[in-house]
Structure formats: structure tokens, C-alpha cells
């Protein structure tokens, strides 16, 4: 029950030496078949001991001390004179671990790779080096491909922008069948030649895959993936919206130069100065002004002597207390008007001008400028990306604000209204797979429209007509292919992008 893989051995003793459990055992069989000719033999030639590692027990390393027998082969036709026995379900030729432990290490290596797998096996007391984990993966046999009736094809980046590969998926079993190290018509055509029988080839709209499929699988039905069709239409829609946005965007207003508003201290001085001089003009004496305004007598006398409030304000450029920035306030305001609002950059520029100020002081000054020059209300005009999202979103999922905004834009821009109707018809055709009845009229209307972006999109559909028609009328799609591409990217990142293509291919094909 606990050690089913020990069923064919006779355990003689179990002991613990340090942190290692050592099990002494021998084979049970009275006769063993020769691996070369299959003849049973019971005549023992000699004995020797093997010490394969086994799966841990209680998180302790386990080592089997197996007494292995070597038998004579009594068949005269056999090229072997002697052979060593292998314990079923326990040992294999030249193995330094049991079959169970090897399977555990292989599973860990496939999921985690070299370095992380080595760390996990070390914690499980079945440790193996990172290089040995990689060798385990490379030694695994490829899974049998068989006949793939429905094939999904997509590309992935081995090195983004420089080198791309191809992943092939069996759409019926939802498993990867191969990973090619290049993205080309020749690579796909060679694979299809070696593995005939494909009836459905679901692909994106890359010309290389169409060419490769046409060379060797001319009878197969090629299907353009619906996701890529919608993605192509979304790109065309965004370009269209960017071109039309000027029709509903008001002309830009010249931005006034930045100014520095007066502070609260200056405003208080002006108010008090105006109140004191208003009473003086009425002939009110000093003592009465002090009583009326409830201020100190010395303060009132100072305000009575000042002809203008500027004599009392003094201080910095904003009427506050003088700071280290007063001499450079004009420079900061001009730089802010030019669009520079980085406190870190401005502080470095002030240091070059000889002003020893901290970045925090400059940041407070910039915040003050932003508050004084903030626009009143931002016009409620959506960006091109926002309008594109509104147009491409299902009407039932649009919010009330989006519905109102989109209706207003369509009323103001006839071309946007025409594009919206065409895109809605294509979306309905894509979701309900009614391409056989509606694709031809839609393409004709798009080609006759005054919208160059949709005309180019329709022209592209004409070039790949059969595949597009199949994509808009059958249930096949590359959704699961995209899922495997995401899994492949995760495996590649686990190896920090340094795993070679053969190792990446093994992990993609064999990982459960």
C-alpha cells in the first residue's frame, strides 16, 4: 500500500544513517528473461550491489541497497552470455535512481525548469543539479503526433523584432503537436508534408502561413481566425477615428503665459489698507479706526502712513515672505510657461544658476504655479482611443454617457456615422457566423464607401476570401492557439529568455 513500486523485491532491513533512510533488498523472481532473446534463465552467474536513490520518506533521502543477480543465458543463438536482472517498476539500465524518482524529477523539471526545479527537489530531499534537470528534459522522447485533422497555426517571438517561431496546435485534442524555430512558408510546408492528413488549417492572416498551406495542403480548408479579423478591423477603425477627429475638435486656443497669483498675506494687506484709508477719508480719527477695525494702534498708524499697499507688501514676488526663490521667480515662471513642470529638472537648473535650493522648495513653488494656472473646465471631448472603444463595444455594454457622446459625434460627423453602421454589421456577421449570406454585400458596401480605411480593409478580405469566408461561417477559431502562445511566453520568461529553442520545444510539448 505505501510502497507499491517495491512489490517485486524482498526487503531485508531498513535503517537510518544520519538523514538517509537505507533499505536493503533483493529481487523476488526465481527466473528472469534475457533482454536480448527473451529466454528465461534461473542459473545465477554472480551478484553485485546497486544503490539507486528513491523517493523521499518523511522528507528524508531514501537509498536502496539492491542485491542484483547476473544470470547466464542458456540460449545458444543469443549473442549475450550473461545479463543483469532489472527489477520491474523499480530499476532501469544504468539508472542511479528508481523509475518513480526519475518520473518525479522529470515532472518538476518540465514545470519549473533547471534552477527552480533543482531548488524544489532539494527541499523534497530528492535533489538534483540544475544542469542535470535540463538534461532530463532533453532526454525525454517527443510525443507521437499522429494524424492531425484540425491544425491551429500561430507565431511567437523567440527574440522580439528579430526572430519568430511557429506553434502548431491540434484543435480537437487542444494539445500542442510541434514547435518550429522559424516563421516561414517553407517551414510550415515541410511539416505538412511530413504529417499529411490536415483537413482544417486555422491561422492568422499572415501571408507566409497561407502560402505554406497552399503548397502541400491544397485540399484543406483554411480558416482565418475571427479574433485577428476583428483586430484588423479595430486597427482600421482607430486610424479612421484619428483622421475624423478634427471634424468635432474645436481649434486650439493659444495658451496664455503662466502667471504667479498673489498670496493670502498680500490680499489681507490690501483689504486692510483700503478699509483704513476709507475711514480716513471720512474724517475718522486714529482711536476711532482702532476701535472700529479692532487692530493694534501701531498697526493702524503704519497703514495710515502708507500711501499705497505696495509699500506694506514688499517681500517676494507674490507678496509673501522673502525666500531663496524670489530672485529666480521670473525664470521659473517663464520655464513653466514653456511646459517644464518637473521640480527635479528645475532644481538642477537653479543649482547651475547658483541658487542653493532644495528640490522640495521648488516642488512647492511648481504646485503653486499649477494651482494658479489650472484651466477652469476641460472640454468634454473624448480621445481617439476612447471613441474607437465606443464604436467597437457592443451596444448593450455601452454606458449611458458613452451612448450620449457617440450619438452626438455621429450627428456632427456623417463619415463616423457611416463607419459605425458598417462596423456594426461586420460585428453581427462575426458573432453570428453569417458570412456566407452577408459577407459579399458588406464588402461591396465598404468598397463603395467614402472611408479609405474600411476600403483597404475590404480589399484585404478579397485577397484572402476563402479563408475569411470560412472564418465567418464555421465554428473553428484560434482561441486555444492564443492560449498556448501565452503559456509558451510564460515558459520562456521562466527561463529568462535564455533557453534554447530545443529546450523550449520540449517543455511546451511535454508539460502537462
Protein backbone atom coordinates (compact mmCIF):
# COMPACT_ATOMS: atom_id res chain seq x y z
CA UNK A 1 0.00 0.00 0.00
CA UNK A 2 2.70 2.51 0.95
CA UNK A 3 5.45 1.38 -1.45
CA UNK A 4 3.78 -0.34 -4.43
CA UNK A 5 6.91 0.02 -6.55
CA UNK A 6 8.72 -2.32 -4.09
CA UNK A 7 6.34 -5.19 -4.87
CA UNK A 8 8.97 -7.20 -6.77
CA UNK A 9 11.71 -7.03 -4.11
CA UNK A 10 12.20 -8.74 -0.75
CA UNK A 11 13.06 -6.13 1.91
CA UNK A 12 15.66 -7.45 4.31
CA UNK A 13 16.34 -4.45 6.57
CA UNK A 14 15.58 -0.75 6.99
CA UNK A 15 17.86 1.63 8.84
CA UNK A 16 18.57 5.34 9.25
CA UNK A 17 22.08 6.70 8.82
CA UNK A 18 22.17 10.45 9.51
CA UNK A 19 19.34 11.91 7.40
CA UNK A 20 19.26 8.98 4.96
CA UNK A 21 16.91 6.00 5.07
CA UNK A 22 18.76 2.94 3.77
CA UNK A 23 16.76 -0.08 2.59
CA UNK A 24 18.47 -3.41 1.88
CA UNK A 25 16.55 -5.65 -0.53
CA UNK A 26 16.87 -8.24 -3.27
CA UNK A 27 14.83 -9.50 -6.20
CA UNK A 28 11.98 -11.99 -5.68
CA UNK A 29 11.89 -13.62 -9.11
CA UNK A 30 13.32 -17.15 -9.44
CA UNK A 31 13.94 -16.71 -13.15
CA UNK A 32 14.49 -13.66 -15.37
CA UNK A 33 14.05 -13.22 -19.15
CA UNK A 34 17.12 -12.31 -21.21
CA UNK A 35 16.72 -8.78 -22.64
CA UNK A 36 18.28 -9.87 -25.95
CA UNK A 37 16.44 -13.10 -26.81
CA UNK A 38 13.69 -13.29 -24.17
CA UNK A 39 14.69 -16.74 -22.88
CA UNK A 40 14.05 -17.30 -19.16
CA UNK A 41 17.07 -18.16 -17.09
CA UNK A 42 17.41 -19.23 -13.44
CA UNK A 43 21.15 -20.01 -13.42
CA UNK A 44 22.94 -17.28 -11.45
CA UNK A 45 26.36 -16.17 -12.62
CA UNK A 46 27.20 -13.64 -9.87
CA UNK A 47 25.81 -10.90 -7.66
CA UNK A 48 26.60 -7.22 -7.11
CA UNK A 49 25.02 -4.27 -5.31
CA UNK A 50 23.28 -1.21 -6.81
CA UNK A 51 22.39 1.86 -4.78
CA UNK A 52 19.66 3.76 -6.62
CA UNK A 53 18.05 6.75 -4.89
CA UNK A 54 14.31 6.53 -4.29
CA UNK A 55 11.51 8.97 -3.48
CA UNK A 56 11.93 10.51 -0.03
CA UNK A 57 10.29 9.06 3.07
CA UNK A 58 9.25 11.59 5.71
CA UNK A 59 11.25 14.22 3.81
CA UNK A 60 14.38 12.13 4.27
CA UNK A 61 16.59 10.90 1.47
CA UNK A 62 15.99 7.24 0.64
CA UNK A 63 18.62 4.91 -0.83
CA UNK A 64 18.00 1.31 -1.86
CA UNK A 65 20.84 -1.21 -1.43
CA UNK A 66 19.73 -3.74 -4.04
CA UNK A 67 21.47 -7.08 -4.38
CA UNK A 68 21.33 -7.64 -8.12
CA UNK A 69 21.91 -11.05 -9.73
CA UNK A 70 23.65 -11.69 -13.03
CA UNK A 71 22.28 -14.70 -14.92
CA UNK A 72 23.64 -16.98 -17.63
CA UNK A 73 21.73 -17.00 -20.92
CA UNK A 74 21.38 -20.68 -21.89
CA UNK A 75 20.19 -19.97 -25.46
CA UNK A 76 22.83 -20.88 -27.99
CA UNK A 77 21.56 -18.34 -30.52
CA UNK A 78 21.77 -15.37 -28.12
CA UNK A 79 24.79 -13.09 -28.51
CA UNK A 80 24.83 -12.49 -24.76
CA UNK A 81 26.42 -14.95 -22.39
CA UNK A 82 25.31 -13.19 -19.20
CA UNK A 83 22.87 -10.41 -18.32
CA UNK A 84 21.89 -8.48 -15.19
CA UNK A 85 18.32 -8.51 -13.91
CA UNK A 86 16.17 -5.36 -13.81
CA UNK A 87 13.56 -5.09 -11.05
CA UNK A 88 10.15 -4.39 -12.68
CA UNK A 89 8.75 -0.92 -11.92
CA UNK A 90 11.84 -0.10 -9.88
CA UNK A 91 15.12 -0.02 -11.85
CA UNK A 92 16.23 0.70 -15.40
CA UNK A 93 19.50 0.19 -17.19
CA UNK A 94 22.35 2.43 -15.95
CA UNK A 95 19.87 4.25 -13.71
CA UNK A 96 21.13 5.80 -10.47
CA UNK A 97 17.59 6.38 -9.23
CA UNK A 98 14.35 4.43 -9.27
CA UNK A 99 11.76 4.80 -12.02
CA UNK A 100 9.42 6.60 -9.60
CA UNK A 101 12.06 9.15 -8.60
CA UNK A 102 13.02 9.76 -12.22
CA UNK A 103 9.36 10.48 -13.07
CA UNK A 104 9.13 12.91 -10.16
CA UNK A 105 12.25 14.76 -11.26
CA UNK A 106 11.07 14.85 -14.88
CA UNK A 107 7.71 16.33 -13.86
CA UNK A 108 9.39 19.01 -11.71
CA UNK A 109 11.89 19.83 -14.47
CA UNK A 110 9.15 20.21 -17.09
CA UNK A 111 7.10 22.58 -14.94
CA UNK A 112 9.88 24.65 -13.33
CA UNK A 113 12.98 24.23 -15.44
CA UNK A 114 16.57 23.92 -14.27
CA UNK A 115 17.38 26.24 -11.37
CA UNK A 116 13.87 26.45 -9.76
CA UNK A 117 13.41 22.69 -10.23
CA UNK A 118 16.73 21.98 -8.54
CA UNK A 119 15.69 24.14 -5.57
CA UNK A 120 12.37 22.33 -5.18
CA UNK A 121 13.88 18.83 -5.38
CA UNK A 122 16.46 19.90 -2.79
CA UNK A 123 13.65 20.84 -0.41
CA UNK A 124 11.98 17.47 -1.09
CA UNK A 125 15.18 15.55 -0.29
CA UNK A 126 15.41 14.22 -3.86
CA UNK A 127 17.85 16.91 -5.02
CA UNK A 128 19.36 17.09 -8.47
CA UNK A 129 21.56 19.77 -10.04
CA UNK A 130 20.14 22.36 -12.44
CA UNK A 131 22.18 21.06 -15.39
CA UNK A 132 21.02 17.52 -14.70
CA UNK A 133 17.40 18.74 -14.64
CA UNK A 134 17.89 20.26 -18.09
CA UNK A 135 19.42 17.00 -19.35
CA UNK A 136 16.38 15.13 -18.06
CA UNK A 137 14.10 17.35 -20.15
CA UNK A 138 16.19 16.95 -23.29
CA UNK A 139 16.30 13.16 -22.85
CA UNK A 140 12.53 12.81 -22.87
CA UNK A 141 11.05 11.44 -26.11
CA UNK A 142 8.76 13.60 -28.20
CA UNK A 143 5.05 12.71 -28.01
CA UNK A 144 3.62 10.90 -31.01
CA UNK A 145 1.98 13.32 -33.44
CA UNK A 146 -0.33 11.01 -35.34
CA UNK A 147 -2.82 12.43 -37.83
CA UNK A 148 -3.94 15.97 -37.06
CA UNK A 149 -7.26 16.68 -38.75
CA UNK A 150 -7.73 20.25 -37.45
CA UNK A 151 -4.50 22.23 -37.14
CA UNK A 152 -4.07 25.64 -35.49
CA UNK A 153 -1.08 27.75 -36.56
CA UNK A 154 0.30 30.92 -34.96
CA UNK A 155 3.63 32.66 -34.48
CA UNK A 156 5.52 33.71 -31.35
CA UNK A 157 8.64 35.74 -30.68
CA UNK A 158 11.85 33.93 -29.87
CA UNK A 159 13.52 37.33 -29.91
CA UNK A 160 11.02 40.10 -30.40
CA UNK A 161 11.51 42.05 -33.58
CA UNK A 162 14.27 39.73 -34.84
CA UNK A 163 13.42 36.04 -34.70
CA UNK A 164 9.99 34.37 -34.66
CA UNK A 165 8.88 30.77 -34.40
CA UNK A 166 5.66 28.85 -35.11
CA UNK A 167 3.49 26.81 -32.76
CA UNK A 168 1.15 24.10 -34.09
CA UNK A 169 -1.91 23.00 -32.09
CA UNK A 170 -4.28 20.07 -32.56
CA UNK A 171 -7.62 21.88 -32.27
CA UNK A 172 -9.52 18.67 -31.46
CA UNK A 173 -7.31 17.45 -28.60
CA UNK A 174 -6.32 21.03 -27.60
CA UNK A 175 -2.67 19.99 -27.28
CA UNK A 176 0.47 21.37 -28.99
CA UNK A 177 1.88 18.97 -31.59
CA UNK A 178 5.06 20.80 -32.60
CA UNK A 179 7.08 24.00 -32.24
CA UNK A 180 9.01 25.24 -35.27
CA UNK A 181 12.03 27.50 -34.92
CA UNK A 182 11.07 29.79 -37.80
CA UNK A 183 8.07 31.61 -39.21
CA UNK A 184 8.04 30.87 -42.92
CA UNK A 185 6.06 29.19 -45.67
CA UNK A 186 8.84 26.61 -46.15
CA UNK A 187 8.79 25.51 -42.51
CA UNK A 188 5.01 25.01 -42.48
CA UNK A 189 5.02 23.30 -45.88
CA UNK A 190 7.75 20.84 -44.77
CA UNK A 191 5.82 19.97 -41.61
CA UNK A 192 2.58 19.39 -43.51
CA UNK A 193 4.46 17.18 -45.98
CA UNK A 194 5.84 15.03 -43.16
CA UNK A 195 2.46 14.88 -41.38
CA UNK A 196 -0.27 14.60 -44.03
CA UNK A 197 -3.97 14.43 -43.24
CA UNK A 198 -4.85 18.00 -42.23
CA UNK A 199 -8.38 18.93 -43.28
CA UNK A 200 -8.72 22.23 -41.37
CA UNK A 201 -5.92 24.80 -41.01
CA UNK A 202 -6.87 27.68 -38.72
CA UNK A 203 -4.40 30.54 -39.00
CA UNK A 204 -3.97 34.27 -38.69
CA UNK A 205 -3.84 36.38 -41.83
CA UNK A 206 -0.07 36.21 -42.35
CA UNK A 207 0.74 35.54 -45.99
CA UNK A 208 3.55 33.07 -45.19
CA UNK A 209 1.17 30.61 -43.50
CA UNK A 210 -1.33 30.89 -46.36
CA UNK A 211 1.43 30.18 -48.87
CA UNK A 212 2.78 27.21 -46.89
CA UNK A 213 -0.68 25.67 -46.56
CA UNK A 214 -1.41 26.14 -50.27
CA UNK A 215 1.76 24.28 -51.28
CA UNK A 216 1.11 20.94 -49.60
CA UNK A 217 -2.45 21.02 -48.24
CA UNK A 218 -4.35 22.34 -51.21
CA UNK A 219 -7.48 20.35 -50.31
CA UNK A 220 -7.51 21.53 -46.69
CA UNK A 221 -9.94 24.26 -45.67
CA UNK A 222 -8.06 27.33 -44.47
CA UNK A 223 -9.84 29.36 -41.79
CA UNK A 224 -8.95 32.98 -40.98
CA UNK A 225 -9.23 33.44 -37.24
CA UNK A 226 -12.12 35.70 -36.15
CA UNK A 227 -10.06 37.37 -33.43
CA UNK A 228 -7.47 38.51 -35.96
CA UNK A 229 -10.22 39.70 -38.33
CA UNK A 230 -11.69 41.83 -35.55
CA UNK A 231 -8.24 43.06 -34.58
CA UNK A 232 -7.54 44.15 -38.17
CA UNK A 233 -10.88 45.99 -38.26
CA UNK A 234 -10.10 47.64 -34.90
CA UNK A 235 -6.78 48.97 -36.25
CA UNK A 236 -8.55 50.36 -39.32
CA UNK A 237 -11.20 51.94 -37.09
CA UNK A 238 -8.62 53.67 -34.92
CA UNK A 239 -6.90 55.15 -37.96
CA UNK A 240 -10.28 56.32 -39.26
CA UNK A 241 -11.23 57.96 -35.96
CA UNK A 242 -7.89 59.76 -35.73
CA UNK A 243 -8.43 61.18 -39.21
CA UNK A 244 -12.01 62.27 -38.46
CA UNK A 245 -11.34 63.72 -35.01
CA UNK A 246 -10.57 67.16 -36.41
CA UNK A 247 -14.22 67.42 -37.52
CA UNK A 248 -15.51 67.53 -33.94
CA UNK A 249 -12.49 69.07 -32.21
CA UNK A 250 -12.56 72.89 -31.81
CA UNK A 251 -9.47 74.84 -32.94
CA UNK A 252 -6.79 75.04 -30.28
CA UNK A 253 -6.77 78.15 -28.11
CA UNK A 254 -3.42 79.81 -27.56
CA UNK A 255 -2.32 79.15 -24.03
CA UNK A 256 -1.67 82.36 -22.04
CA UNK A 257 1.64 82.84 -20.35
CA UNK A 258 1.86 81.49 -16.83
CA UNK A 259 1.36 83.98 -14.00
CA UNK A 260 2.02 83.92 -10.29
CA UNK A 261 -1.02 84.91 -8.26
CA UNK A 262 -0.73 86.96 -5.06
CA UNK A 263 -0.72 85.13 -1.80
CA UNK A 264 -3.20 85.44 1.03
CA UNK A 265 -0.94 87.83 3.01
CA UNK A 266 -0.87 90.37 0.16
CA UNK A 267 -4.66 90.17 -0.22
CA UNK A 268 -5.14 90.78 3.52
CA UNK A 269 -2.82 93.83 3.43
CA UNK A 270 -4.72 95.33 0.50
CA UNK A 271 -8.09 94.83 2.22
CA UNK A 272 -6.92 96.39 5.49
CA UNK A 273 -5.22 99.30 3.71
CA UNK A 274 -8.40 100.04 1.77
CA UNK A 275 -10.52 99.93 4.95
CA UNK A 276 -8.17 102.25 6.90
CA UNK A 277 -7.99 104.86 4.14
CA UNK A 278 -11.76 104.71 3.57
CA UNK A 279 -12.28 105.72 7.23
CA UNK A 280 -9.58 108.38 6.98
CA UNK A 281 -11.38 109.92 4.00
CA UNK A 282 -14.49 110.23 6.15
CA UNK A 283 -12.51 112.16 8.80
CA UNK A 284 -12.38 109.38 11.40
CA UNK A 285 -9.55 109.75 13.91
CA UNK A 286 -6.90 107.21 14.80
CA UNK A 287 -8.50 105.98 18.04
CA UNK A 288 -11.88 105.50 16.35
CA UNK A 289 -10.28 103.49 13.50
CA UNK A 290 -8.51 101.28 16.06
CA UNK A 291 -11.80 100.65 17.85
CA UNK A 292 -13.74 100.09 14.63
CA UNK A 293 -11.26 97.67 12.98
CA UNK A 294 -10.09 96.08 16.26
CA UNK A 295 -6.42 96.28 15.36
CA UNK A 296 -3.35 97.34 17.28
CA UNK A 297 -2.73 101.09 17.29
CA UNK A 298 0.78 100.78 15.90
CA UNK A 299 -0.51 98.70 13.02
CA UNK A 300 -3.23 101.21 12.16
CA UNK A 301 -0.74 104.09 12.31
CA UNK A 302 1.57 102.21 9.92
CA UNK A 303 -1.29 101.70 7.46
CA UNK A 304 -2.32 105.37 7.77
CA UNK A 305 1.17 106.49 6.81
CA UNK A 306 1.42 104.18 3.75
CA UNK A 307 0.08 105.88 0.62
CA UNK A 308 -0.21 102.57 -1.32
CA UNK A 309 -0.46 98.95 -0.18
CA UNK A 310 2.69 98.08 -2.18
CA UNK A 311 4.73 99.95 0.46
CA UNK A 312 3.46 97.46 3.04
CA UNK A 313 3.51 94.28 0.97
CA UNK A 314 7.19 94.18 -0.02
CA UNK A 315 8.53 90.61 0.35
CA UNK A 316 8.67 88.26 -2.58
CA UNK A 317 7.03 88.47 -5.99
CA UNK A 318 3.78 87.03 -4.64
CA UNK A 319 3.56 89.29 -1.64
CA UNK A 320 4.69 86.64 0.83
CA UNK A 321 7.78 86.46 2.95
CA UNK A 322 11.04 86.59 1.08
CA UNK A 323 12.53 83.21 0.13
CA UNK A 324 15.55 81.90 -1.74
CA UNK A 325 13.40 81.65 -4.89
CA UNK A 326 12.45 85.33 -5.05
CA UNK A 327 15.37 86.23 -7.30
CA UNK A 328 14.57 83.33 -9.64
CA UNK A 329 10.78 83.52 -9.64
CA UNK A 330 10.68 85.13 -13.08
CA UNK A 331 12.89 82.39 -14.53
CA UNK A 332 10.72 79.64 -13.00
CA UNK A 333 7.52 81.22 -14.31
CA UNK A 334 8.96 81.51 -17.83
CA UNK A 335 10.15 77.88 -17.78
CA UNK A 336 6.71 76.79 -16.55
CA UNK A 337 5.12 78.69 -19.44
CA UNK A 338 7.36 76.72 -21.82
CA UNK A 339 5.87 73.49 -20.45
CA UNK A 340 8.56 72.42 -17.98
CA UNK A 341 6.86 71.41 -14.71
CA UNK A 342 9.45 68.93 -13.40
CA UNK A 343 10.59 70.07 -9.96
CA UNK A 344 13.68 67.85 -10.17
CA UNK A 345 14.79 69.35 -13.50
CA UNK A 346 14.06 72.92 -12.41
CA UNK A 347 16.02 72.44 -9.19
CA UNK A 348 19.06 71.25 -11.20
CA UNK A 349 18.76 74.29 -13.46
CA UNK A 350 18.62 76.59 -10.41
CA UNK A 351 21.73 74.95 -8.99
CA UNK A 352 23.52 75.78 -12.26
CA UNK A 353 22.35 79.40 -11.83
CA UNK A 354 23.90 79.49 -8.37
CA UNK A 355 20.74 79.15 -6.26
CA UNK A 356 21.17 76.66 -3.41
CA UNK A 357 17.56 75.48 -3.01
CA UNK A 358 16.15 72.09 -2.20
CA UNK A 359 14.01 70.05 -4.57
CA UNK A 360 11.17 70.22 -2.03
CA UNK A 361 11.13 74.03 -2.12
CA UNK A 362 10.99 74.04 -5.91
CA UNK A 363 8.21 71.43 -5.87
CA UNK A 364 6.05 73.63 -3.62
CA UNK A 365 6.62 76.55 -5.98
CA UNK A 366 5.62 74.42 -9.01
CA UNK A 367 2.48 73.19 -7.24
CA UNK A 368 1.58 76.82 -6.58
CA UNK A 369 2.05 77.67 -10.26
CA UNK A 370 -0.12 74.70 -11.32
CA UNK A 371 -2.89 75.78 -8.96
CA UNK A 372 -2.77 79.40 -10.14
CA UNK A 373 -2.80 78.46 -13.84
CA UNK A 374 -5.19 75.50 -13.80
CA UNK A 375 -7.84 75.68 -16.56
CA UNK A 376 -11.40 76.26 -15.50
CA UNK A 377 -13.23 73.40 -17.20
CA UNK A 378 -11.86 70.84 -19.62
CA UNK A 379 -13.98 70.45 -22.74
CA UNK A 380 -15.70 67.03 -22.66
CA UNK A 381 -14.08 65.75 -25.85
CA UNK A 382 -13.05 62.06 -25.87
CA UNK A 383 -9.75 60.94 -27.30
CA UNK A 384 -9.44 58.93 -30.50
CA UNK A 385 -8.83 55.74 -28.49
CA UNK A 386 -11.94 56.38 -26.39
CA UNK A 387 -14.09 56.94 -29.47
CA UNK A 388 -12.68 53.76 -31.05
CA UNK A 389 -13.58 51.80 -27.93
CA UNK A 390 -17.14 53.20 -28.01
CA UNK A 391 -17.58 52.22 -31.66
CA UNK A 392 -16.21 48.68 -31.15
CA UNK A 393 -18.12 47.95 -27.93
CA UNK A 394 -21.38 46.01 -28.11
CA UNK A 395 -24.35 48.42 -27.79
CA UNK A 396 -25.69 46.53 -24.75
CA UNK A 397 -22.41 47.10 -22.92
CA UNK A 398 -22.07 50.82 -23.53
CA UNK A 399 -22.76 53.16 -20.64
CA UNK A 400 -25.28 55.97 -20.78
CA UNK A 401 -22.54 58.59 -21.11
CA UNK A 402 -20.91 56.67 -23.97
CA UNK A 403 -24.21 56.30 -25.78
CA UNK A 404 -24.89 60.04 -25.50
CA UNK A 405 -21.36 61.02 -26.55
CA UNK A 406 -21.31 58.62 -29.50
CA UNK A 407 -24.72 59.82 -30.72
CA UNK A 408 -23.56 63.44 -30.56
CA UNK A 409 -20.37 62.63 -32.50
CA UNK A 410 -22.28 60.69 -35.15
CA UNK A 411 -24.68 63.62 -35.60
CA UNK A 412 -21.75 66.01 -36.06
CA UNK A 413 -19.70 63.71 -38.36
CA UNK A 414 -21.56 61.83 -41.17
CA UNK A 415 -18.46 59.75 -42.01
CA UNK A 416 -18.27 58.47 -38.43
CA UNK A 417 -21.96 57.57 -38.59
CA UNK A 418 -21.42 55.60 -41.82
CA UNK A 419 -18.38 53.81 -40.33
CA UNK A 420 -20.37 52.97 -37.19
CA UNK A 421 -23.10 51.29 -39.23
CA UNK A 422 -20.63 49.27 -41.31
CA UNK A 423 -18.67 48.13 -38.24
CA UNK A 424 -21.90 47.10 -36.50
CA UNK A 425 -22.90 44.96 -39.48
CA UNK A 426 -19.49 43.27 -39.55
CA UNK A 427 -19.63 42.57 -35.81
CA UNK A 428 -23.07 40.98 -36.16
CA UNK A 429 -21.78 38.82 -39.02
CA UNK A 430 -18.72 37.78 -36.99
CA UNK A 431 -20.64 36.86 -33.84
CA UNK A 432 -23.48 35.00 -35.57
CA UNK A 433 -21.23 33.46 -38.30
CA UNK A 434 -23.43 34.56 -41.17
CA UNK A 435 -20.60 35.23 -43.57
CA UNK A 436 -21.97 33.12 -46.42
CA UNK A 437 -25.05 35.34 -46.71
CA UNK A 438 -23.72 38.74 -45.62
CA UNK A 439 -20.00 38.97 -46.40
CA UNK A 440 -20.30 39.81 -50.10
CA UNK A 441 -22.84 42.66 -49.58
CA UNK A 442 -20.77 44.05 -46.69
CA UNK A 443 -17.54 44.11 -48.70
CA UNK A 444 -19.33 45.75 -51.62
CA UNK A 445 -20.75 48.48 -49.36
CA UNK A 446 -17.36 49.04 -47.70
CA UNK A 447 -15.62 49.37 -51.08
CA UNK A 448 -18.26 51.90 -52.20
CA UNK A 449 -18.00 53.97 -49.00
CA UNK A 450 -16.03 57.26 -48.79
CA UNK A 451 -13.88 55.77 -45.99
CA UNK A 452 -10.39 54.79 -47.26
CA UNK A 453 -9.57 52.81 -44.09
CA UNK A 454 -12.55 50.47 -44.50
CA UNK A 455 -11.97 50.25 -48.26
CA UNK A 456 -8.43 48.97 -47.63
CA UNK A 457 -9.76 46.51 -45.05
CA UNK A 458 -12.31 45.20 -47.56
CA UNK A 459 -9.59 44.86 -50.20
CA UNK A 460 -7.58 42.73 -47.78
CA UNK A 461 -10.59 40.48 -47.27
CA UNK A 462 -10.84 39.99 -51.03
CA UNK A 463 -7.25 38.74 -51.18
CA UNK A 464 -7.94 36.04 -48.55
CA UNK A 465 -11.56 35.44 -49.48
CA UNK A 466 -11.95 31.69 -48.92
CA UNK A 467 -10.26 31.73 -45.52
CA UNK A 468 -12.25 34.77 -44.40
CA UNK A 469 -15.48 33.17 -45.56
CA UNK A 470 -14.67 30.00 -43.60
CA UNK A 471 -13.76 32.03 -40.52
CA UNK A 472 -17.10 33.89 -40.61
CA UNK A 473 -19.23 30.80 -41.23
CA UNK A 474 -17.66 27.85 -39.31
CA UNK A 475 -17.00 27.16 -35.64
CA UNK A 476 -13.20 26.86 -35.98
CA UNK A 477 -11.07 29.60 -34.43
CA UNK A 478 -7.59 30.13 -32.98
CA UNK A 479 -8.71 30.92 -29.44
CA UNK A 480 -6.98 27.92 -27.91
CA UNK A 481 -3.90 28.60 -30.06
CA UNK A 482 -3.60 32.06 -28.49
CA UNK A 483 -3.88 30.42 -25.07
CA UNK A 484 -0.94 28.12 -25.84
CA UNK A 485 1.07 31.09 -27.12
CA UNK A 486 0.54 32.77 -23.74
CA UNK A 487 1.67 29.59 -21.97
CA UNK A 488 4.74 29.44 -24.20
CA UNK A 489 5.61 33.04 -23.28
CA UNK A 490 5.34 32.14 -19.58
CA UNK A 491 7.72 29.18 -20.04
CA UNK A 492 10.14 31.39 -21.98
CA UNK A 493 10.14 34.00 -19.22
CA UNK A 494 10.73 31.29 -16.60
CA UNK A 495 13.97 30.59 -18.43
CA UNK A 496 14.75 34.34 -18.50
CA UNK A 497 14.66 34.23 -22.32
CA UNK A 498 17.92 32.21 -22.37
CA UNK A 499 16.50 28.75 -23.03
CA UNK A 500 17.46 27.38 -26.44
CA UNK A 501 14.68 26.50 -28.92
CA UNK A 502 15.06 22.73 -28.43
CA UNK A 503 14.58 23.05 -24.67
CA UNK A 504 11.62 25.40 -25.11
CA UNK A 505 10.05 22.97 -27.57
CA UNK A 506 10.36 20.04 -25.13
CA UNK A 507 8.75 21.97 -22.29
CA UNK A 508 5.88 23.18 -24.48
CA UNK A 509 5.12 19.76 -25.91
CA UNK A 510 5.55 17.66 -22.75
CA UNK A 511 4.42 19.93 -19.94
CA UNK A 512 1.04 18.76 -18.58
